[in-house]
Every structure is written in structure tokens, then in C-alpha cells.
Amino acid sequence: MTDPRRTTAFDPRLDAVARYALAIGAVLVLLLPAARGFNEQVGWLPMWLLAMPAAAWWGAHGFALPWRRAPEAEGRRALPRRRGPQARRRGRVGLRAAWSRAA
């Protein structure tokens, strides 16, 4: 399902490259134990093999979020506000009050 208000402003070649990089990274992380580790020069490899291509693919689509229904449509409603006056402060209680009486 596509939204008619949304325009496809991304390059389809960029979309294909990002999807391909994500697929290759997923295969490497799943099949090679060394691809799940840490490299001294690069850092945490699953970040570079999975997270970065996924972020590039998401960015190619304009950081689109999945469409959800509004909370009002689900039947939830806000809690009613209290109508009474604001609570009053109590007198000083505890150790502070004991110190002030001793002084």
C-alpha cells in the first residue's frame, strides 16, 4: 500500500544498491562468525554490515515511518483532569525540623 501524498524522490539505483548491500551484509553476519565480531581498524562489524546499509536504505526513502492509525482511532482516550485545588504543603517534617528546633 502506498500513500498517494508521498512522492518517490529517491533514485531507484540507490535503492537497489542499498538493498543489495543490506542483503550481502545479512548473509555475511549470518554465515561467517568473524563478521559478528570486532575489528581494531573498523569497529563492530555488524554495525557496518547491517545497520549502516539499513540506515542508508531508510534514508533513501526519506526516513519514512510505517503508517499507523491515530491513537484516537484505537478507542483510547485521555484521562480526565482533576478539578480540585492544588495540594497544600505540610509543615517541616523529619530531620530538618529536628535540627532547626535544636538550634
PDB file of N, CA and C in Angstrom:
ATOM      1  N   MET A   1       0.838  -1.178   0.000  1.00  0.00           N
ATOM      2  CA  MET A   1       0.000   0.000   0.000  1.00  0.00           C
ATOM      3  C   MET A   1       0.882   1.240   0.000  1.00  0.00           C
ATOM      4  N   THR A   2       0.637   2.087  -0.922  1.00  0.00           N
ATOM      5  CA  THR A   2       1.397   3.325  -0.980  1.00  0.00           C
ATOM      6  C   THR A   2       0.477   4.491  -0.686  1.00  0.00           C
ATOM      7  N   ASP A   3       1.070   5.504  -0.138  1.00  0.00           N
ATOM      8  CA  ASP A   3       0.322   6.708   0.188  1.00  0.00           C
ATOM      9  C   ASP A   3       0.360   7.630  -1.023  1.00  0.00           C
ATOM     10  N   PRO A   4      -0.789   8.111  -1.513  1.00  0.00           N
ATOM     11  CA  PRO A   4      -0.779   8.990  -2.688  1.00  0.00           C
ATOM     12  C   PRO A   4      -0.103  10.326  -2.425  1.00  0.00           C
ATOM     13  N   ARG A   5      -0.013  10.745  -1.153  1.00  0.00           N
ATOM     14  CA  ARG A   5       0.630  12.028  -0.847  1.00  0.00           C
ATOM     15  C   ARG A   5       2.146  11.923  -0.922  1.00  0.00           C
ATOM     16  N   ARG A   6       2.680  10.718  -0.811  1.00  0.00           N
ATOM     17  CA  ARG A   6       4.129  10.529  -0.782  1.00  0.00           C
ATOM     18  C   ARG A   6       4.670  10.478  -2.211  1.00  0.00           C
ATOM     19  N   THR A   7       5.746  11.187  -2.452  1.00  0.00           N
ATOM     20  CA  THR A   7       6.377  11.153  -3.762  1.00  0.00           C
ATOM     21  C   THR A   7       7.639  10.313  -3.676  1.00  0.00           C
ATOM     22  N   THR A   8       7.970   9.651  -4.741  1.00  0.00           N
ATOM     23  CA  THR A   8       9.191   8.848  -4.771  1.00  0.00           C
ATOM     24  C   THR A   8      10.303   9.729  -5.315  1.00  0.00           C
ATOM     25  N   ALA A   9      11.012  10.414  -4.427  1.00  0.00           N
ATOM     26  CA  ALA A   9      12.055  11.339  -4.827  1.00  0.00           C
ATOM     27  C   ALA A   9      13.433  10.685  -4.786  1.00  0.00           C
ATOM     28  N   PHE A  10      13.501   9.389  -4.471  1.00  0.00           N
ATOM     29  CA  PHE A  10      14.804   8.745  -4.396  1.00  0.00           C
ATOM     30  C   PHE A  10      15.151   8.095  -5.733  1.00  0.00           C
ATOM     31  N   ASP A  11      16.437   7.899  -5.947  1.00  0.00           N
ATOM     32  CA  ASP A  11      16.919   7.264  -7.164  1.00  0.00           C
ATOM     33  C   ASP A  11      16.751   5.751  -7.039  1.00  0.00           C
ATOM     34  N   PRO A  12      16.108   5.090  -7.979  1.00  0.00           N
ATOM     35  CA  PRO A  12      15.920   3.643  -7.860  1.00  0.00           C
ATOM     36  C   PRO A  12      17.236   2.876  -7.871  1.00  0.00           C
ATOM     37  N   ARG A  13      18.285   3.441  -8.489  1.00  0.00           N
ATOM     38  CA  ARG A  13      19.587   2.764  -8.464  1.00  0.00           C
ATOM     39  C   ARG A  13      20.163   2.769  -7.056  1.00  0.00           C
ATOM     40  N   LEU A  14      19.995   3.881  -6.346  1.00  0.00           N
ATOM     41  CA  LEU A  14      20.450   3.960  -4.961  1.00  0.00           C
ATOM     42  C   LEU A  14      19.684   2.971  -4.088  1.00  0.00           C
ATOM     43  N   ASP A  15      18.402   2.842  -4.342  1.00  0.00           N
ATOM     44  CA  ASP A  15      17.579   1.881  -3.611  1.00  0.00           C
ATOM     45  C   ASP A  15      18.093   0.459  -3.841  1.00  0.00           C
ATOM     46  N   ALA A  16      18.404   0.133  -5.077  1.00  0.00           N
ATOM     47  CA  ALA A  16      18.888  -1.217  -5.393  1.00  0.00           C
ATOM     48  C   ALA A  16      20.245  -1.485  -4.750  1.00  0.00           C
ATOM     49  N   VAL A  17      21.142  -0.509  -4.780  1.00  0.00           N
ATOM     50  CA  VAL A  17      22.469  -0.690  -4.178  1.00  0.00           C
ATOM     51  C   VAL A  17      22.356  -0.863  -2.666  1.00  0.00           C
ATOM     52  N   ALA A  18      21.507  -0.055  -2.018  1.00  0.00           N
ATOM     53  CA  ALA A  18      21.347  -0.157  -0.566  1.00  0.00           C
ATOM     54  C   ALA A  18      20.721  -1.497  -0.180  1.00  0.00           C
ATOM     55  N   ARG A  19      19.725  -1.957  -0.939  1.00  0.00           N
ATOM     56  CA  ARG A  19      19.121  -3.271  -0.658  1.00  0.00           C
ATOM     57  C   ARG A  19      20.123  -4.393  -0.860  1.00  0.00           C
ATOM     58  N   TYR A  20      20.942  -4.287  -1.906  1.00  0.00           N
ATOM     59  CA  TYR A  20      21.957  -5.306  -2.188  1.00  0.00           C
ATOM     60  C   TYR A  20      23.004  -5.342  -1.075  1.00  0.00           C
ATOM     61  N   ALA A  21      23.460  -4.176  -0.632  1.00  0.00           N
ATOM     62  CA  ALA A  21      24.453  -4.114   0.450  1.00  0.00           C
ATOM     63  C   ALA A  21      23.878  -4.673   1.747  1.00  0.00           C
ATOM     64  N   LEU A  22      22.618  -4.392   2.025  1.00  0.00           N
ATOM     65  CA  LEU A  22      21.971  -4.923   3.215  1.00  0.00           C
ATOM     66  C   LEU A  22      21.845  -6.446   3.136  1.00  0.00           C
ATOM     67  N   ALA A  23      21.483  -6.966   1.976  1.00  0.00           N
ATOM     68  CA  ALA A  23      21.353  -8.414   1.815  1.00  0.00           C
ATOM     69  C   ALA A  23      22.705  -9.113   1.952  1.00  0.00           C
ATOM     70  N   ILE A  24      23.739  -8.565   1.338  1.00  0.00           N
ATOM     71  CA  ILE A  24      25.077  -9.159   1.442  1.00  0.00           C
ATOM     72  C   ILE A  24      25.562  -9.099   2.887  1.00  0.00           C
ATOM     73  N   GLY A  25      25.347  -7.979   3.567  1.00  0.00           N
ATOM     74  CA  GLY A  25      25.746  -7.859   4.961  1.00  0.00           C
ATOM     75  C   GLY A  25      25.022  -8.844   5.850  1.00  0.00           C
ATOM     76  N   ALA A  26      23.730  -9.053   5.605  1.00  0.00           N
ATOM     77  CA  ALA A  26      22.965 -10.017   6.405  1.00  0.00           C
ATOM     78  C   ALA A  26      23.481 -11.427   6.188  1.00  0.00           C
ATOM     79  N   VAL A  27      23.798 -11.775   4.956  1.00  0.00           N
ATOM     80  CA  VAL A  27      24.340 -13.109   4.675  1.00  0.00           C
ATOM     81  C   VAL A  27      25.693 -13.286   5.351  1.00  0.00           C
ATOM     82  N   LEU A  28      26.538 -12.271   5.287  1.00  0.00           N
ATOM     83  CA  LEU A  28      27.853 -12.367   5.930  1.00  0.00           C
ATOM     84  C   LEU A  28      27.730 -12.523   7.438  1.00  0.00           C
ATOM     85  N   VAL A  29      26.871 -11.736   8.061  1.00  0.00           N
ATOM     86  CA  VAL A  29      26.723 -11.816   9.516  1.00  0.00           C
ATOM     87  C   VAL A  29      26.129 -13.164   9.930  1.00  0.00           C
ATOM     88  N   LEU A  30      25.205 -13.684   9.145  1.00  0.00           N
ATOM     89  CA  LEU A  30      24.596 -14.969   9.494  1.00  0.00           C
ATOM     90  C   LEU A  30      25.523 -16.154   9.263  1.00  0.00           C
ATOM     91  N   LEU A  31      26.344 -16.116   8.217  1.00  0.00           N
ATOM     92  CA  LEU A  31      27.136 -17.289   7.856  1.00  0.00           C
ATOM     93  C   LEU A  31      28.578 -17.257   8.348  1.00  0.00           C
ATOM     94  N   LEU A  32      29.142 -16.098   8.552  1.00  0.00           N
ATOM     95  CA  LEU A  32      30.545 -16.014   8.976  1.00  0.00           C
ATOM     96  C   LEU A  32      30.644 -15.552  10.424  1.00  0.00           C
ATOM     97  N   PRO A  33      31.168 -16.394  11.297  1.00  0.00           N
ATOM     98  CA  PRO A  33      31.312 -15.965  12.694  1.00  0.00           C
ATOM     99  C   PRO A  33      32.250 -14.758  12.851  1.00  0.00           C
ATOM    100  N   ALA A  34      33.232 -14.626  11.985  1.00  0.00           N
ATOM    101  CA  ALA A  34      34.161 -13.497  12.082  1.00  0.00           C
ATOM    102  C   ALA A  34      33.456 -12.168  11.778  1.00  0.00           C
ATOM    103  N   ALA A  35      32.366 -12.210  11.020  1.00  0.00           N
ATOM    104  CA  ALA A  35      31.641 -10.984  10.680  1.00  0.00           C
ATOM    105  C   ALA A  35      30.774 -10.496  11.831  1.00  0.00           C
ATOM    106  N   ARG A  36      30.674 -11.278  12.897  1.00  0.00           N
ATOM    107  CA  ARG A  36      29.886 -10.859  14.064  1.00  0.00           C
ATOM    108  C   ARG A  36      30.752 -10.210  15.139  1.00  0.00           C
ATOM    109  N   GLY A  37      32.023 -10.070  14.874  1.00  0.00           N
ATOM    110  CA  GLY A  37      32.952  -9.615  15.901  1.00  0.00           C
ATOM    111  C   GLY A  37      33.322  -8.149  15.785  1.00  0.00           C
ATOM    112  N   PHE A  38      34.492  -7.863  16.351  1.00  0.00           N
ATOM    113  CA  PHE A  38      35.013  -6.508  16.425  1.00  0.00           C
ATOM    114  C   PHE A  38      36.349  -6.475  15.709  1.00  0.00           C
ATOM    115  N   ASN A  39      36.559  -5.452  14.891  1.00  0.00           N
ATOM    116  CA  ASN A  39      37.821  -5.279  14.192  1.00  0.00           C
ATOM    117  C   ASN A  39      38.482  -4.023  14.734  1.00  0.00           C
ATOM    118  N   GLU A  40      39.790  -4.085  14.921  1.00  0.00           N
ATOM    119  CA  GLU A  40      40.541  -2.967  15.503  1.00  0.00           C
ATOM    120  C   GLU A  40      40.463  -1.709  14.621  1.00  0.00           C
ATOM    121  N   GLN A  41      40.510  -1.874  13.298  1.00  0.00           N
ATOM    122  CA  GLN A  41      40.505  -0.721  12.396  1.00  0.00           C
ATOM    123  C   GLN A  41      39.086  -0.230  12.081  1.00  0.00           C
ATOM    124  N   VAL A  42      38.130  -1.119  12.003  1.00  0.00           N
ATOM    125  CA  VAL A  42      36.799  -0.761  11.543  1.00  0.00           C
ATOM    126  C   VAL A  42      35.825  -0.577  12.689  1.00  0.00           C
ATOM    127  N   GLY A  43      35.912  -1.424  13.693  1.00  0.00           N
ATOM    128  CA  GLY A  43      34.983  -1.366  14.808  1.00  0.00           C
ATOM    129  C   GLY A  43      34.073  -2.583  14.801  1.00  0.00           C
ATOM    130  N   TRP A  44      32.859  -2.406  15.310  1.00  0.00           N
ATOM    131  CA  TRP A  44      31.908  -3.507  15.412  1.00  0.00           C
ATOM    132  C   TRP A  44      31.370  -3.810  14.016  1.00  0.00           C
ATOM    133  N   LEU A  45      31.661  -4.989  13.503  1.00  0.00           N
ATOM    134  CA  LEU A  45      31.338  -5.320  12.115  1.00  0.00           C
ATOM    135  C   LEU A  45      29.844  -5.394  11.797  1.00  0.00           C
ATOM    136  N   PRO A  46      28.965  -5.941  12.669  1.00  0.00           N
ATOM    137  CA  PRO A  46      27.540  -5.934  12.300  1.00  0.00           C
ATOM    138  C   PRO A  46      26.969  -4.527  12.099  1.00  0.00           C
ATOM    139  N   MET A  47      27.563  -3.533  12.754  1.00  0.00           N
ATOM    140  CA  MET A  47      27.085  -2.172  12.524  1.00  0.00           C
ATOM    141  C   MET A  47      27.346  -1.769  11.080  1.00  0.00           C
ATOM    142  N   TRP A  48      28.543  -2.089  10.571  1.00  0.00           N
ATOM    143  CA  TRP A  48      28.894  -1.693   9.213  1.00  0.00           C
ATOM    144  C   TRP A  48      28.247  -2.593   8.175  1.00  0.00           C
ATOM    145  N   LEU A  49      27.970  -3.849   8.527  1.00  0.00           N
ATOM    146  CA  LEU A  49      27.405  -4.782   7.556  1.00  0.00           C
ATOM    147  C   LEU A  49      25.874  -4.760   7.525  1.00  0.00           C
ATOM    148  N   LEU A  50      25.232  -4.383   8.637  1.00  0.00           N
ATOM    149  CA  LEU A  50      23.771  -4.388   8.697  1.00  0.00           C
ATOM    150  C   LEU A  50      23.175  -3.003   8.968  1.00  0.00           C
ATOM    151  N   ALA A  51      23.623  -2.359  10.031  1.00  0.00           N
ATOM    152  CA  ALA A  51      22.983  -1.114  10.464  1.00  0.00           C
ATOM    153  C   ALA A  51      23.212   0.036   9.484  1.00  0.00           C
ATOM    154  N   MET A  52      24.418   0.176   8.991  1.00  0.00           N
ATOM    155  CA  MET A  52      24.685   1.292   8.067  1.00  0.00           C
ATOM    156  C   MET A  52      23.979   1.129   6.725  1.00  0.00           C
ATOM    157  N   PRO A  53      23.993  -0.061   6.093  1.00  0.00           N
ATOM    158  CA  PRO A  53      23.194  -0.192   4.865  1.00  0.00           C
ATOM    159  C   PRO A  53      21.688  -0.033   5.110  1.00  0.00           C
ATOM    160  N   ALA A  54      21.204  -0.502   6.277  1.00  0.00           N
ATOM    161  CA  ALA A  54      19.782  -0.330   6.589  1.00  0.00           C
ATOM    162  C   ALA A  54      19.448   1.148   6.768  1.00  0.00           C
ATOM    163  N   ALA A  55      20.331   1.903   7.411  1.00  0.00           N
ATOM    164  CA  ALA A  55      20.103   3.344   7.582  1.00  0.00           C
ATOM    165  C   ALA A  55      20.168   4.069   6.240  1.00  0.00           C
ATOM    166  N   ALA A  56      21.069   3.629   5.348  1.00  0.00           N
ATOM    167  CA  ALA A  56      21.147   4.247   4.018  1.00  0.00           C
ATOM    168  C   ALA A  56      19.895   3.951   3.204  1.00  0.00           C
ATOM    169  N   TRP A  57      19.389   2.737   3.317  1.00  0.00           N
ATOM    170  CA  TRP A  57      18.169   2.371   2.595  1.00  0.00           C
ATOM    171  C   TRP A  57      16.975   3.162   3.126  1.00  0.00           C
ATOM    172  N   TRP A  58      16.905   3.280   4.449  1.00  0.00           N
ATOM    173  CA  TRP A  58      15.835   4.060   5.075  1.00  0.00           C
ATOM    174  C   TRP A  58      15.944   5.533   4.669  1.00  0.00           C
ATOM    175  N   GLY A  59      17.177   6.038   4.629  1.00  0.00           N
ATOM    176  CA  GLY A  59      17.398   7.423   4.228  1.00  0.00           C
ATOM    177  C   GLY A  59      17.060   7.660   2.766  1.00  0.00           C
ATOM    178  N   ALA A  60      17.268   6.659   1.917  1.00  0.00           N
ATOM    179  CA  ALA A  60      16.907   6.804   0.503  1.00  0.00           C
ATOM    180  C   ALA A  60      15.407   6.955   0.331  1.00  0.00           C
ATOM    181  N   HIS A  61      14.650   6.420   1.278  1.00  0.00           N
ATOM    182  CA  HIS A  61      13.193   6.534   1.224  1.00  0.00           C
ATOM    183  C   HIS A  61      12.689   7.731   2.022  1.00  0.00           C
ATOM    184  N   GLY A  62      13.565   8.650   2.363  1.00  0.00           N
ATOM    185  CA  GLY A  62      13.156   9.880   3.039  1.00  0.00           C
ATOM    186  C   GLY A  62      12.805   9.691   4.495  1.00  0.00           C
ATOM    187  N   PHE A  63      13.425   8.708   5.164  1.00  0.00           N
ATOM    188  CA  PHE A  63      13.187   8.435   6.582  1.00  0.00           C
ATOM    189  C   PHE A  63      11.702   8.235   6.860  1.00  0.00           C
ATOM    190  N   ALA A  64      11.051   7.488   6.013  1.00  0.00           N
ATOM    191  CA  ALA A  64       9.619   7.240   6.143  1.00  0.00           C
ATOM    192  C   ALA A  64       9.355   6.289   7.305  1.00  0.00           C
ATOM    193  N   LEU A  65       8.389   6.634   8.111  1.00  0.00           N
ATOM    194  CA  LEU A  65       7.972   5.773   9.209  1.00  0.00           C
ATOM    195  C   LEU A  65       6.787   4.924   8.763  1.00  0.00           C
ATOM    196  N   PRO A  66       6.635   3.749   9.338  1.00  0.00           N
ATOM    197  CA  PRO A  66       5.479   2.944   8.963  1.00  0.00           C
ATOM    198  C   PRO A  66       4.179   3.659   9.333  1.00  0.00           C
ATOM    199  N   TRP A  67       3.188   3.529   8.506  1.00  0.00           N
ATOM    200  CA  TRP A  67       1.908   4.203   8.757  1.00  0.00           C
ATOM    201  C   TRP A  67       1.150   3.469   9.832  1.00  0.00           C
ATOM    202  N   ARG A  68       0.636   4.220  10.800  1.00  0.00           N
ATOM    203  CA  ARG A  68      -0.187   3.658  11.874  1.00  0.00           C
ATOM    204  C   ARG A  68      -1.449   4.486  11.993  1.00  0.00           C
ATOM    205  N   ARG A  69      -2.432   3.873  12.615  1.00  0.00           N
ATOM    206  CA  ARG A  69      -3.646   4.627  12.900  1.00  0.00           C
ATOM    207  C   ARG A  69      -3.400   5.562  14.071  1.00  0.00           C
ATOM    208  N   ALA A  70      -4.135   6.639  14.102  1.00  0.00           N
ATOM    209  CA  ALA A  70      -4.011   7.596  15.200  1.00  0.00           C
ATOM    210  C   ALA A  70      -4.521   6.950  16.489  1.00  0.00           C
ATOM    211  N   PRO A  71      -3.983   7.345  17.662  1.00  0.00           N
ATOM    212  CA  PRO A  71      -4.446   6.751  18.918  1.00  0.00           C
ATOM    213  C   PRO A  71      -5.934   6.955  19.167  1.00  0.00           C
ATOM    214  N   GLU A  72      -6.515   8.041  18.647  1.00  0.00           N
ATOM    215  CA  GLU A  72      -7.940   8.267  18.849  1.00  0.00           C
ATOM    216  C   GLU A  72      -8.764   7.204  18.128  1.00  0.00           C
ATOM    217  N   ALA A  73      -8.241   6.715  17.004  1.00  0.00           N
ATOM    218  CA  ALA A  73      -8.976   5.732  16.230  1.00  0.00           C
ATOM    219  C   ALA A  73      -8.980   4.367  16.920  1.00  0.00           C
ATOM    220  N   GLU A  74      -8.044   4.123  17.812  1.00  0.00           N
ATOM    221  CA  GLU A  74      -7.978   2.843  18.505  1.00  0.00           C
ATOM    222  C   GLU A  74      -8.931   2.773  19.686  1.00  0.00           C
ATOM    223  N   GLY A  75      -9.600   3.856  20.018  1.00  0.00           N
ATOM    224  CA  GLY A  75     -10.551   3.840  21.113  1.00  0.00           C
ATOM    225  C   GLY A  75      -9.961   4.314  22.438  1.00  0.00           C
ATOM    226  N   ARG A  76      -8.696   4.671  22.458  1.00  0.00           N
ATOM    227  CA  ARG A  76      -8.104   5.188  23.692  1.00  0.00           C
ATOM    228  C   ARG A  76      -8.466   6.654  23.836  1.00  0.00           C
ATOM    229  N   ARG A  77      -8.672   7.081  25.060  1.00  0.00           N
ATOM    230  CA  ARG A  77      -8.954   8.485  25.289  1.00  0.00           C
ATOM    231  C   ARG A  77      -8.143   8.955  26.485  1.00  0.00           C
ATOM    232  N   ALA A  78      -7.949  10.237  26.553  1.00  0.00           N
ATOM    233  CA  ALA A  78      -7.137  10.809  27.622  1.00  0.00           C
ATOM    234  C   ALA A  78      -7.890  10.742  28.949  1.00  0.00           C
ATOM    235  N   LEU A  79      -7.136  10.651  30.037  1.00  0.00           N
ATOM    236  CA  LEU A  79      -7.743  10.633  31.361  1.00  0.00           C
ATOM    237  C   LEU A  79      -8.272  12.027  31.704  1.00  0.00           C
ATOM    238  N   PRO A  80      -9.381  12.114  32.427  1.00  0.00           N
ATOM    239  CA  PRO A  80      -9.919  13.439  32.775  1.00  0.00           C
ATOM    240  C   PRO A  80      -9.009  14.147  33.784  1.00  0.00           C
ATOM    241  N   ARG A  81      -8.971  15.465  33.704  1.00  0.00           N
ATOM    242  CA  ARG A  81      -8.154  16.250  34.632  1.00  0.00           C
ATOM    243  C   ARG A  81      -8.858  16.369  35.970  1.00  0.00           C
ATOM    244  N   ARG A  82      -8.068  16.507  37.011  1.00  0.00           N
ATOM    245  CA  ARG A  82      -8.647  16.709  38.340  1.00  0.00           C
ATOM    246  C   ARG A  82      -9.183  18.128  38.459  1.00  0.00           C
ATOM    247  N   ARG A  83     -10.263  18.277  39.192  1.00  0.00           N
ATOM    248  CA  ARG A  83     -10.916  19.578  39.285  1.00  0.00           C
ATOM    249  C   ARG A  83     -10.662  20.288  40.606  1.00  0.00           C
ATOM    250  N   GLY A  84     -10.137  19.618  41.600  1.00  0.00           N
ATOM    251  CA  GLY A  84      -9.962  20.212  42.917  1.00  0.00           C
ATOM    252  C   GLY A  84      -8.779  21.165  42.998  1.00  0.00           C
ATOM    253  N   PRO A  85      -8.601  21.787  44.176  1.00  0.00           N
ATOM    254  CA  PRO A  85      -7.475  22.715  44.342  1.00  0.00           C
ATOM    255  C   PRO A  85      -6.158  21.946  44.433  1.00  0.00           C
ATOM    256  N   GLN A  86      -5.079  22.689  44.278  1.00  0.00           N
ATOM    257  CA  GLN A  86      -3.762  22.097  44.373  1.00  0.00           C
ATOM    258  C   GLN A  86      -3.487  21.694  45.822  1.00  0.00           C
ATOM    259  N   ALA A  87      -2.714  20.620  45.991  1.00  0.00           N
ATOM    260  CA  ALA A  87      -2.412  20.130  47.335  1.00  0.00           C
ATOM    261  C   ALA A  87      -1.581  21.162  48.100  1.00  0.00           C
ATOM    262  N   ARG A  88      -1.792  21.244  49.412  1.00  0.00           N
ATOM    263  CA  ARG A  88      -1.045  22.182  50.257  1.00  0.00           C
ATOM    264  C   ARG A  88       0.200  21.501  50.791  1.00  0.00           C
ATOM    265  N   ARG A  89       1.205  22.290  51.041  1.00  0.00           N
ATOM    266  CA  ARG A  89       2.440  21.746  51.610  1.00  0.00           C
ATOM    267  C   ARG A  89       2.244  21.490  53.096  1.00  0.00           C
ATOM    268  N   ARG A  90       2.892  20.463  53.586  1.00  0.00           N
ATOM    269  CA  ARG A  90       2.853  20.180  55.019  1.00  0.00           C
ATOM    270  C   ARG A  90       3.935  20.985  55.717  1.00  0.00           C
ATOM    271  N   GLY A  91       3.859  21.022  57.010  1.00  0.00           N
ATOM    272  CA  GLY A  91       4.920  21.668  57.783  1.00  0.00           C
ATOM    273  C   GLY A  91       6.210  20.871  57.666  1.00  0.00           C
ATOM    274  N   ARG A  92       7.292  21.430  58.151  1.00  0.00           N
ATOM    275  CA  ARG A  92       8.572  20.751  58.034  1.00  0.00           C
ATOM    276  C   ARG A  92       8.553  19.476  58.859  1.00  0.00           C
ATOM    277  N   VAL A  93       8.933  18.394  58.221  1.00  0.00           N
ATOM    278  CA  VAL A  93       8.890  17.088  58.861  1.00  0.00           C
ATOM    279  C   VAL A  93      10.258  16.439  58.724  1.00  0.00           C
ATOM    280  N   GLY A  94      10.662  15.702  59.755  1.00  0.00           N
ATOM    281  CA  GLY A  94      11.864  14.901  59.646  1.00  0.00           C
ATOM    282  C   GLY A  94      13.064  15.531  60.297  1.00  0.00           C
ATOM    283  N   LEU A  95      14.230  15.187  59.768  1.00  0.00           N
ATOM    284  CA  LEU A  95      15.497  15.578  60.361  1.00  0.00           C
ATOM    285  C   LEU A  95      15.719  17.083  60.305  1.00  0.00           C
ATOM    286  N   ARG A  96      15.301  17.726  59.224  1.00  0.00           N
ATOM    287  CA  ARG A  96      15.482  19.175  59.113  1.00  0.00           C
ATOM    288  C   ARG A  96      14.747  19.913  60.225  1.00  0.00           C
ATOM    289  N   ALA A  97      13.523  19.482  60.525  1.00  0.00           N
ATOM    290  CA  ALA A  97      12.757  20.126  61.569  1.00  0.00           C
ATOM    291  C   ALA A  97      13.405  19.938  62.927  1.00  0.00           C
ATOM    292  N   ALA A  98      13.979  18.760  63.161  1.00  0.00           N
ATOM    293  CA  ALA A  98      14.658  18.490  64.427  1.00  0.00           C
ATOM    294  C   ALA A  98      15.889  19.361  64.578  1.00  0.00           C
ATOM    295  N   TRP A  99      16.631  19.578  63.493  1.00  0.00           N
ATOM    296  CA  TRP A  99      17.829  20.424  63.558  1.00  0.00           C
ATOM    297  C   TRP A  99      17.445  21.872  63.800  1.00  0.00           C
ATOM    298  N   SER A 100      16.379  22.330  63.179  1.00  0.00           N
ATOM    299  CA  SER A 100      16.006  23.727  63.357  1.00  0.00           C
ATOM    300  C   SER A 100      15.490  23.981  64.772  1.00  0.00           C
ATOM    301  N   ARG A 101      14.839  22.994  65.415  1.00  0.00           N
ATOM    302  CA  ARG A 101      14.376  23.175  66.775  1.00  0.00           C
ATOM    303  C   ARG A 101      15.535  23.162  67.780  1.00  0.00           C
ATOM    304  N   ALA A 102      16.584  22.370  67.462  1.00  0.00           N
ATOM    305  CA  ALA A 102      17.720  22.284  68.369  1.00  0.00           C
ATOM    306  C   ALA A 102      18.564  23.539  68.344  1.00  0.00           C
ATOM    307  N   ALA A 103      18.553  24.272  67.261  1.00  0.00           N
ATOM    308  CA  ALA A 103      19.403  25.450  67.123  1.00  0.00           C
ATOM    309  C   ALA A 103      18.859  26.670  67.810  1.00  0.00           C
TER     310      ALA A 103
END
